[in-house]
Amino acid sequence: MTDTSVTIYTDGSSLGNPGPGGWGAVLIWADSKKELSRGYIETTNNRMEIRGVLHALEHLKRPCTVHVHSDSRYVCDAISKKWIQSWLKNGWLTSAKKPVKNRDLWEQLLSLLQKHKVIFHWVKAHDGHPENERCDELAKNAAKAREREIDEGYLRNT
């Protein structure tokens, strides 16, 4: 499928949850490293966790084999434990028959997961892993930044 391997570390943050939020990502391939981040005026931590992965994958120019490292069980389990397939099968309802939260972001992520071969790895937060700590710093700085965007999907669902 691909001949390019990329390692991505991501993290999301929401100060107040909900509140100002941001995500950070570190992309590593060959001898290169790139840092990405963005802040939002009002959002949730889970939305920022999804956005970290989503926007990092959007940054890739061609199909790749990607190892995503995230401290979000929500994101990792939704993919690795195939929750997302169940949500799709059930018309975007959870096993409790409630609407899946953050559907707008999950749908965007799904299309990217079809483009790339993505393997998710959960990492423990604040455990001294350099790239995960850097993503945490990027996410928090983005949440505090003067220039932040509106998280349209969050506003539509509140």
N, C-alpha and C. Protein backbone atom coordinates (compact mmCIF):
# COMPACT_ATOMS: atom_id res chain seq x y z
N MET A 1 0.82 -1.21 0.00
CA MET A 1 0.00 0.00 0.00
C MET A 1 0.86 1.26 0.00
N THR A 2 1.83 1.30 0.90
CA THR A 2 2.64 2.50 1.03
C THR A 2 4.10 2.13 1.21
N ASP A 3 4.96 3.08 0.95
CA ASP A 3 6.37 2.87 1.22
C ASP A 3 6.91 3.94 2.17
N THR A 4 6.05 4.82 2.64
CA THR A 4 6.45 5.87 3.56
C THR A 4 5.88 5.57 4.94
N SER A 5 6.77 5.53 5.91
CA SER A 5 6.35 5.30 7.28
C SER A 5 6.47 6.59 8.07
N VAL A 6 5.42 6.92 8.81
CA VAL A 6 5.38 8.15 9.59
C VAL A 6 4.95 7.80 11.01
N THR A 7 5.60 8.41 11.98
CA THR A 7 5.19 8.28 13.37
C THR A 7 4.60 9.61 13.80
N ILE A 8 3.40 9.55 14.38
CA ILE A 8 2.71 10.76 14.82
C ILE A 8 2.39 10.64 16.30
N TYR A 9 2.71 11.70 17.03
CA TYR A 9 2.32 11.83 18.43
C TYR A 9 1.31 12.96 18.49
N THR A 10 0.22 12.78 19.24
CA THR A 10 -0.78 13.83 19.34
C THR A 10 -1.27 13.98 20.77
N ASP A 11 -1.81 15.16 21.04
CA ASP A 11 -2.46 15.41 22.32
C ASP A 11 -3.47 16.52 22.13
N GLY A 12 -4.49 16.52 22.98
CA GLY A 12 -5.50 17.56 22.97
C GLY A 12 -5.68 18.10 24.37
N SER A 13 -6.14 19.34 24.44
CA SER A 13 -6.33 19.98 25.73
C SER A 13 -7.53 20.90 25.68
N SER A 14 -8.26 20.96 26.76
CA SER A 14 -9.33 21.95 26.91
C SER A 14 -9.23 22.49 28.32
N LEU A 15 -9.04 23.79 28.42
CA LEU A 15 -8.88 24.44 29.71
C LEU A 15 -10.27 24.74 30.27
N GLY A 16 -10.75 23.88 31.14
CA GLY A 16 -12.09 24.02 31.69
C GLY A 16 -13.02 22.91 31.25
N ASN A 17 -12.84 22.40 30.09
CA ASN A 17 -13.57 21.28 29.50
C ASN A 17 -15.07 21.28 29.80
N PRO A 18 -15.88 22.04 29.09
CA PRO A 18 -15.49 22.83 27.91
C PRO A 18 -14.83 24.15 28.29
N GLY A 19 -14.09 24.65 27.32
CA GLY A 19 -13.37 25.90 27.47
C GLY A 19 -12.45 26.08 26.29
N PRO A 20 -11.51 27.02 26.40
CA PRO A 20 -10.53 27.17 25.33
C PRO A 20 -9.76 25.87 25.16
N GLY A 21 -9.51 25.50 23.92
CA GLY A 21 -8.84 24.23 23.69
C GLY A 21 -7.80 24.31 22.60
N GLY A 22 -7.01 23.26 22.52
CA GLY A 22 -6.00 23.18 21.48
C GLY A 22 -5.52 21.76 21.32
N TRP A 23 -4.88 21.51 20.21
CA TRP A 23 -4.28 20.22 19.95
C TRP A 23 -2.85 20.44 19.47
N GLY A 24 -2.03 19.43 19.68
CA GLY A 24 -0.65 19.48 19.20
C GLY A 24 -0.28 18.15 18.60
N ALA A 25 0.60 18.18 17.63
CA ALA A 25 1.06 16.95 16.98
C ALA A 25 2.53 17.09 16.61
N VAL A 26 3.22 15.99 16.72
CA VAL A 26 4.61 15.89 16.25
C VAL A 26 4.63 14.76 15.23
N LEU A 27 5.06 15.09 14.01
CA LEU A 27 5.17 14.11 12.92
C LEU A 27 6.64 13.82 12.68
N ILE A 28 6.99 12.54 12.60
CA ILE A 28 8.39 12.15 12.40
C ILE A 28 8.44 11.15 11.25
N TRP A 29 9.29 11.44 10.26
CA TRP A 29 9.50 10.53 9.14
C TRP A 29 10.92 10.73 8.65
N ALA A 30 11.55 9.63 8.25
CA ALA A 30 12.95 9.64 7.80
C ALA A 30 13.78 10.46 8.78
N ASP A 31 14.44 11.51 8.29
CA ASP A 31 15.24 12.37 9.17
C ASP A 31 14.54 13.69 9.46
N SER A 32 13.23 13.71 9.31
CA SER A 32 12.49 14.96 9.46
C SER A 32 11.52 14.90 10.64
N LYS A 33 11.23 16.09 11.16
CA LYS A 33 10.27 16.23 12.25
C LYS A 33 9.52 17.53 12.03
N LYS A 34 8.20 17.49 12.24
CA LYS A 34 7.38 18.69 12.08
C LYS A 34 6.40 18.76 13.24
N GLU A 35 6.22 19.96 13.77
CA GLU A 35 5.27 20.20 14.85
C GLU A 35 4.09 21.00 14.32
N LEU A 36 2.89 20.60 14.73
CA LEU A 36 1.66 21.28 14.33
C LEU A 36 0.82 21.56 15.57
N SER A 37 0.04 22.63 15.54
CA SER A 37 -0.91 22.88 16.62
C SER A 37 -1.92 23.92 16.17
N ARG A 38 -3.06 23.95 16.87
CA ARG A 38 -4.09 24.94 16.59
C ARG A 38 -4.95 25.08 17.84
N GLY A 39 -5.44 26.28 18.07
CA GLY A 39 -6.28 26.54 19.23
C GLY A 39 -7.70 26.91 18.83
N TYR A 40 -8.62 26.68 19.75
CA TYR A 40 -10.04 26.96 19.53
C TYR A 40 -10.59 27.72 20.73
N ILE A 41 -11.55 28.59 20.45
CA ILE A 41 -12.11 29.47 21.47
C ILE A 41 -12.87 28.69 22.53
N GLU A 42 -13.73 27.77 22.10
CA GLU A 42 -14.56 26.98 23.02
C GLU A 42 -14.72 25.58 22.44
N THR A 43 -14.38 24.57 23.26
CA THR A 43 -14.42 23.19 22.78
C THR A 43 -14.29 22.24 23.95
N THR A 44 -14.10 20.96 23.66
CA THR A 44 -13.89 19.96 24.72
C THR A 44 -12.57 19.23 24.50
N ASN A 45 -12.12 18.59 25.54
CA ASN A 45 -10.88 17.82 25.47
C ASN A 45 -10.98 16.71 24.43
N ASN A 46 -12.10 15.97 24.43
CA ASN A 46 -12.23 14.86 23.47
C ASN A 46 -12.19 15.34 22.03
N ARG A 47 -12.80 16.49 21.75
CA ARG A 47 -12.75 17.03 20.39
C ARG A 47 -11.31 17.37 20.01
N MET A 48 -10.55 17.89 20.95
CA MET A 48 -9.16 18.24 20.66
C MET A 48 -8.30 17.00 20.48
N GLU A 49 -8.59 15.95 21.22
CA GLU A 49 -7.86 14.69 21.04
C GLU A 49 -8.09 14.14 19.63
N ILE A 50 -9.33 14.17 19.17
CA ILE A 50 -9.64 13.69 17.81
C ILE A 50 -8.99 14.61 16.78
N ARG A 51 -9.11 15.92 16.99
CA ARG A 51 -8.54 16.87 16.03
C ARG A 51 -7.03 16.71 15.90
N GLY A 52 -6.35 16.40 16.97
CA GLY A 52 -4.90 16.20 16.89
C GLY A 52 -4.54 15.13 15.86
N VAL A 53 -5.24 14.01 15.94
CA VAL A 53 -5.00 12.91 14.99
C VAL A 53 -5.47 13.32 13.59
N LEU A 54 -6.66 13.85 13.51
CA LEU A 54 -7.27 14.23 12.23
C LEU A 54 -6.37 15.20 11.45
N HIS A 55 -5.95 16.27 12.09
CA HIS A 55 -5.17 17.28 11.37
C HIS A 55 -3.75 16.82 11.07
N ALA A 56 -3.20 15.97 11.91
CA ALA A 56 -1.88 15.41 11.60
C ALA A 56 -1.97 14.53 10.35
N LEU A 57 -3.01 13.68 10.28
CA LEU A 57 -3.19 12.84 9.09
C LEU A 57 -3.48 13.67 7.84
N GLU A 58 -4.24 14.75 7.99
CA GLU A 58 -4.52 15.64 6.85
C GLU A 58 -3.24 16.25 6.29
N HIS A 59 -2.26 16.39 7.13
CA HIS A 59 -0.99 17.01 6.72
C HIS A 59 -0.17 16.12 5.77
N LEU A 60 -0.44 14.82 5.78
CA LEU A 60 0.31 13.89 4.94
C LEU A 60 -0.10 14.04 3.48
N LYS A 61 0.87 14.12 2.61
CA LYS A 61 0.61 14.42 1.20
C LYS A 61 0.28 13.18 0.36
N ARG A 62 0.64 11.99 0.83
CA ARG A 62 0.36 10.77 0.09
C ARG A 62 0.08 9.65 1.10
N PRO A 63 -0.49 8.54 0.64
CA PRO A 63 -0.78 7.44 1.56
C PRO A 63 0.49 6.95 2.27
N CYS A 64 0.36 6.72 3.55
CA CYS A 64 1.49 6.31 4.38
C CYS A 64 1.07 5.22 5.35
N THR A 65 2.07 4.51 5.86
CA THR A 65 1.88 3.67 7.02
C THR A 65 2.16 4.56 8.22
N VAL A 66 1.18 4.69 9.10
CA VAL A 66 1.28 5.67 10.18
C VAL A 66 1.09 4.98 11.53
N HIS A 67 2.01 5.27 12.44
CA HIS A 67 1.87 4.84 13.83
C HIS A 67 1.51 6.08 14.63
N VAL A 68 0.25 6.10 15.13
CA VAL A 68 -0.24 7.23 15.92
C VAL A 68 -0.12 6.87 17.39
N HIS A 69 0.53 7.76 18.14
CA HIS A 69 0.68 7.60 19.59
C HIS A 69 -0.15 8.69 20.26
N SER A 70 -1.11 8.27 21.07
CA SER A 70 -2.01 9.21 21.73
C SER A 70 -2.23 8.77 23.18
N ASP A 71 -2.43 9.74 24.07
CA ASP A 71 -2.75 9.39 25.46
C ASP A 71 -4.26 9.37 25.68
N SER A 72 -5.02 9.41 24.59
CA SER A 72 -6.48 9.38 24.67
C SER A 72 -7.01 7.97 24.46
N ARG A 73 -7.50 7.36 25.52
CA ARG A 73 -8.15 6.05 25.38
C ARG A 73 -9.37 6.17 24.47
N TYR A 74 -10.08 7.29 24.58
CA TYR A 74 -11.27 7.55 23.76
C TYR A 74 -10.94 7.38 22.29
N VAL A 75 -9.89 8.02 21.83
CA VAL A 75 -9.51 7.94 20.41
C VAL A 75 -8.96 6.57 20.07
N CYS A 76 -8.01 6.10 20.84
CA CYS A 76 -7.38 4.80 20.54
C CYS A 76 -8.40 3.66 20.56
N ASP A 77 -9.25 3.63 21.58
CA ASP A 77 -10.23 2.55 21.69
C ASP A 77 -11.30 2.63 20.61
N ALA A 78 -11.70 3.84 20.25
CA ALA A 78 -12.73 3.98 19.20
C ALA A 78 -12.28 3.31 17.91
N ILE A 79 -10.99 3.35 17.63
CA ILE A 79 -10.47 2.73 16.42
C ILE A 79 -10.04 1.28 16.68
N SER A 80 -9.16 1.08 17.66
CA SER A 80 -8.60 -0.25 17.91
C SER A 80 -9.63 -1.27 18.36
N LYS A 81 -10.60 -0.83 19.15
CA LYS A 81 -11.65 -1.75 19.62
C LYS A 81 -12.88 -1.74 18.72
N LYS A 82 -12.74 -1.05 17.60
CA LYS A 82 -13.76 -1.03 16.55
C LYS A 82 -15.11 -0.46 16.99
N TRP A 83 -15.07 0.46 17.97
CA TRP A 83 -16.31 1.14 18.36
C TRP A 83 -16.90 1.87 17.17
N ILE A 84 -16.03 2.47 16.38
CA ILE A 84 -16.49 3.29 15.26
C ILE A 84 -17.28 2.46 14.25
N GLN A 85 -16.86 1.20 14.03
CA GLN A 85 -17.62 0.32 13.13
C GLN A 85 -19.01 0.04 13.69
N SER A 86 -19.10 -0.15 14.99
CA SER A 86 -20.41 -0.36 15.63
C SER A 86 -21.28 0.88 15.51
N TRP A 87 -20.68 2.05 15.69
CA TRP A 87 -21.44 3.30 15.57
C TRP A 87 -22.01 3.42 14.16
N LEU A 88 -21.19 3.12 13.17
CA LEU A 88 -21.65 3.19 11.78
C LEU A 88 -22.81 2.21 11.55
N LYS A 89 -22.63 0.98 12.00
CA LYS A 89 -23.64 -0.06 11.81
C LYS A 89 -24.96 0.32 12.50
N ASN A 90 -24.84 1.02 13.63
CA ASN A 90 -26.02 1.40 14.41
C ASN A 90 -26.54 2.80 14.08
N GLY A 91 -26.13 3.33 12.93
CA GLY A 91 -26.62 4.65 12.53
C GLY A 91 -26.13 5.78 13.41
N TRP A 92 -24.86 5.69 13.83
CA TRP A 92 -24.22 6.69 14.68
C TRP A 92 -24.89 6.79 16.05
N LEU A 93 -25.30 5.62 16.57
CA LEU A 93 -25.80 5.53 17.94
C LEU A 93 -24.84 4.66 18.75
N THR A 94 -24.68 5.01 20.02
CA THR A 94 -23.85 4.20 20.91
C THR A 94 -24.59 2.93 21.29
N SER A 95 -23.93 2.05 22.02
CA SER A 95 -24.59 0.83 22.48
C SER A 95 -25.76 1.15 23.41
N ALA A 96 -25.74 2.35 24.01
CA ALA A 96 -26.84 2.80 24.86
C ALA A 96 -27.93 3.51 24.05
N LYS A 97 -27.80 3.44 22.71
CA LYS A 97 -28.78 4.04 21.78
C LYS A 97 -28.84 5.58 21.86
N LYS A 98 -27.72 6.19 22.24
CA LYS A 98 -27.61 7.66 22.27
C LYS A 98 -26.74 8.10 21.10
N PRO A 99 -26.97 9.31 20.59
CA PRO A 99 -26.14 9.79 19.48
C PRO A 99 -24.65 9.84 19.86
N VAL A 100 -23.81 9.41 18.95
CA VAL A 100 -22.36 9.46 19.17
C VAL A 100 -21.92 10.91 19.21
N LYS A 101 -21.16 11.26 20.24
CA LYS A 101 -20.63 12.61 20.34
C LYS A 101 -19.49 12.79 19.35
N ASN A 102 -19.34 13.98 18.86
CA ASN A 102 -18.24 14.36 17.96
C ASN A 102 -18.30 13.65 16.61
N ARG A 103 -19.49 13.31 16.19
CA ARG A 103 -19.68 12.60 14.93
C ARG A 103 -19.02 13.33 13.76
N ASP A 104 -19.10 14.65 13.74
CA ASP A 104 -18.52 15.42 12.63
C ASP A 104 -17.03 15.13 12.48
N LEU A 105 -16.32 15.02 13.60
CA LEU A 105 -14.88 14.75 13.54
C LEU A 105 -14.59 13.28 13.24
N TRP A 106 -15.38 12.38 13.81
CA TRP A 106 -15.20 10.96 13.52
C TRP A 106 -15.38 10.69 12.03
N GLU A 107 -16.36 11.33 11.40
CA GLU A 107 -16.59 11.12 9.97
C GLU A 107 -15.40 11.61 9.15
N GLN A 108 -14.82 12.73 9.53
CA GLN A 108 -13.64 13.23 8.82
C GLN A 108 -12.46 12.28 9.02
N LEU A 109 -12.30 11.80 10.25
CA LEU A 109 -11.20 10.88 10.54
C LEU A 109 -11.35 9.57 9.77
N LEU A 110 -12.58 9.09 9.66
CA LEU A 110 -12.82 7.84 8.93
C LEU A 110 -12.30 7.90 7.49
N SER A 111 -12.53 9.00 6.81
CA SER A 111 -12.07 9.09 5.42
C SER A 111 -10.54 9.06 5.35
N LEU A 112 -9.87 9.64 6.34
CA LEU A 112 -8.40 9.62 6.36
C LEU A 112 -7.88 8.23 6.71
N LEU A 113 -8.61 7.51 7.54
CA LEU A 113 -8.19 6.15 7.89
C LEU A 113 -8.28 5.21 6.69
N GLN A 114 -9.10 5.56 5.71
CA GLN A 114 -9.19 4.77 4.48
C GLN A 114 -8.03 5.07 3.54
N LYS A 115 -7.46 6.26 3.67
CA LYS A 115 -6.36 6.68 2.80
C LYS A 115 -5.01 6.12 3.27
N HIS A 116 -4.86 5.99 4.58
CA HIS A 116 -3.59 5.57 5.17
C HIS A 116 -3.76 4.25 5.92
N LYS A 117 -2.66 3.55 6.11
CA LYS A 117 -2.66 2.39 7.02
C LYS A 117 -2.24 2.94 8.38
N VAL A 118 -3.20 2.99 9.32
CA VAL A 118 -2.95 3.64 10.60
C VAL A 118 -3.05 2.63 11.74
N ILE A 119 -2.01 2.61 12.56
CA ILE A 119 -1.97 1.76 13.74
C ILE A 119 -1.91 2.69 14.95
N PHE A 120 -2.84 2.49 15.89
CA PHE A 120 -2.92 3.34 17.07
C PHE A 120 -2.20 2.71 18.25
N HIS A 121 -1.49 3.55 19.00
CA HIS A 121 -0.77 3.12 20.20
C HIS A 121 -1.15 4.06 21.33
N TRP A 122 -1.64 3.51 22.42
CA TRP A 122 -1.95 4.34 23.59
C TRP A 122 -0.68 4.51 24.41
N VAL A 123 -0.43 5.75 24.84
CA VAL A 123 0.69 6.03 25.74
C VAL A 123 0.14 6.70 26.99
N LYS A 124 0.75 6.42 28.11
CA LYS A 124 0.32 7.02 29.37
C LYS A 124 0.68 8.50 29.37
N ALA A 125 -0.28 9.33 29.74
CA ALA A 125 -0.07 10.79 29.77
C ALA A 125 0.88 11.16 30.91
N HIS A 126 1.64 12.20 30.68
CA HIS A 126 2.52 12.78 31.70
C HIS A 126 3.44 11.74 32.34
N ASP A 127 3.95 10.87 31.47
CA ASP A 127 4.82 9.79 31.94
C ASP A 127 6.26 9.98 31.47
N GLY A 128 6.58 11.19 31.03
CA GLY A 128 7.95 11.51 30.66
C GLY A 128 8.33 11.17 29.23
N HIS A 129 7.37 10.76 28.40
CA HIS A 129 7.68 10.48 27.00
C HIS A 129 7.89 11.82 26.29
N PRO A 130 9.08 12.08 25.74
CA PRO A 130 9.40 13.42 25.21
C PRO A 130 8.41 13.95 24.17
N GLU A 131 8.04 13.12 23.20
CA GLU A 131 7.13 13.62 22.15
C GLU A 131 5.72 13.85 22.69
N ASN A 132 5.26 12.97 23.58
CA ASN A 132 3.94 13.17 24.18
C ASN A 132 3.92 14.42 25.04
N GLU A 133 4.98 14.65 25.79
CA GLU A 133 5.07 15.87 26.61
C GLU A 133 5.10 17.11 25.72
N ARG A 134 5.80 17.02 24.60
CA ARG A 134 5.85 18.15 23.66
C ARG A 134 4.47 18.44 23.08
N CYS A 135 3.74 17.38 22.74
CA CYS A 135 2.38 17.57 22.22
C CYS A 135 1.48 18.21 23.26
N ASP A 136 1.62 17.82 24.51
CA ASP A 136 0.85 18.41 25.60
C ASP A 136 1.15 19.91 25.69
N GLU A 137 2.42 20.26 25.59
CA GLU A 137 2.83 21.67 25.63
C GLU A 137 2.26 22.44 24.43
N LEU A 138 2.35 21.85 23.25
CA LEU A 138 1.81 22.50 22.05
C LEU A 138 0.30 22.72 22.18
N ALA A 139 -0.42 21.71 22.69
CA ALA A 139 -1.87 21.80 22.83
C ALA A 139 -2.27 22.88 23.83
N LYS A 140 -1.60 22.91 24.97
CA LYS A 140 -1.92 23.91 26.00
C LYS A 140 -1.58 25.32 25.53
N ASN A 141 -0.44 25.46 24.85
CA ASN A 141 -0.08 26.78 24.32
C ASN A 141 -1.08 27.24 23.27
N ALA A 142 -1.55 26.33 22.44
CA ALA A 142 -2.55 26.68 21.42
C ALA A 142 -3.86 27.10 22.07
N ALA A 143 -4.23 26.42 23.17
CA ALA A 143 -5.47 26.75 23.88
C ALA A 143 -5.40 28.15 24.51
N LYS A 144 -4.19 28.58 24.85
CA LYS A 144 -3.99 29.88 25.50
C LYS A 144 -3.67 30.99 24.51
N ALA A 145 -3.44 30.64 23.26
CA ALA A 145 -3.00 31.61 22.25
C ALA A 145 -4.06 32.68 22.00
N ARG A 146 -3.60 33.82 21.60
CA ARG A 146 -4.51 34.92 21.26
C ARG A 146 -5.33 34.58 20.02
N GLU A 147 -4.66 34.02 19.02
CA GLU A 147 -5.34 33.66 17.76
C GLU A 147 -5.87 32.23 17.86
N ARG A 148 -7.17 32.11 18.05
CA ARG A 148 -7.83 30.80 18.11
C ARG A 148 -9.02 30.82 17.17
N GLU A 149 -9.40 29.63 16.73
CA GLU A 149 -10.52 29.49 15.80
C GLU A 149 -11.80 29.10 16.53
N ILE A 150 -12.89 29.16 15.79
CA ILE A 150 -14.17 28.69 16.30
C ILE A 150 -14.29 27.21 15.93
N ASP A 151 -14.62 26.38 16.90
CA ASP A 151 -14.86 24.96 16.65
C ASP A 151 -16.32 24.81 16.26
N GLU A 152 -16.56 24.94 14.97
CA GLU A 152 -17.94 24.94 14.44
C GLU A 152 -18.73 23.72 14.87
N GLY A 153 -18.14 22.56 14.82
CA GLY A 153 -18.84 21.33 15.19
C GLY A 153 -19.26 21.33 16.65
N TYR A 154 -18.42 21.88 17.51
CA TYR A 154 -18.77 21.97 18.92
C TYR A 154 -19.95 22.90 19.12
N LEU A 155 -19.92 24.05 18.45
CA LEU A 155 -21.01 25.02 18.60
C LEU A 155 -22.32 24.47 18.09
N ARG A 156 -22.30 23.69 17.01
CA ARG A 156 -23.53 23.11 16.46
C ARG A 156 -24.15 22.07 17.39
N ASN A 157 -23.31 21.45 18.20
CA ASN A 157 -23.80 20.35 19.05
C ASN A 157 -24.04 20.75 20.50
N THR A 158 -23.98 22.03 20.81
CA THR A 158 -24.22 22.46 22.20
C THR A 158 -25.57 23.13 22.32
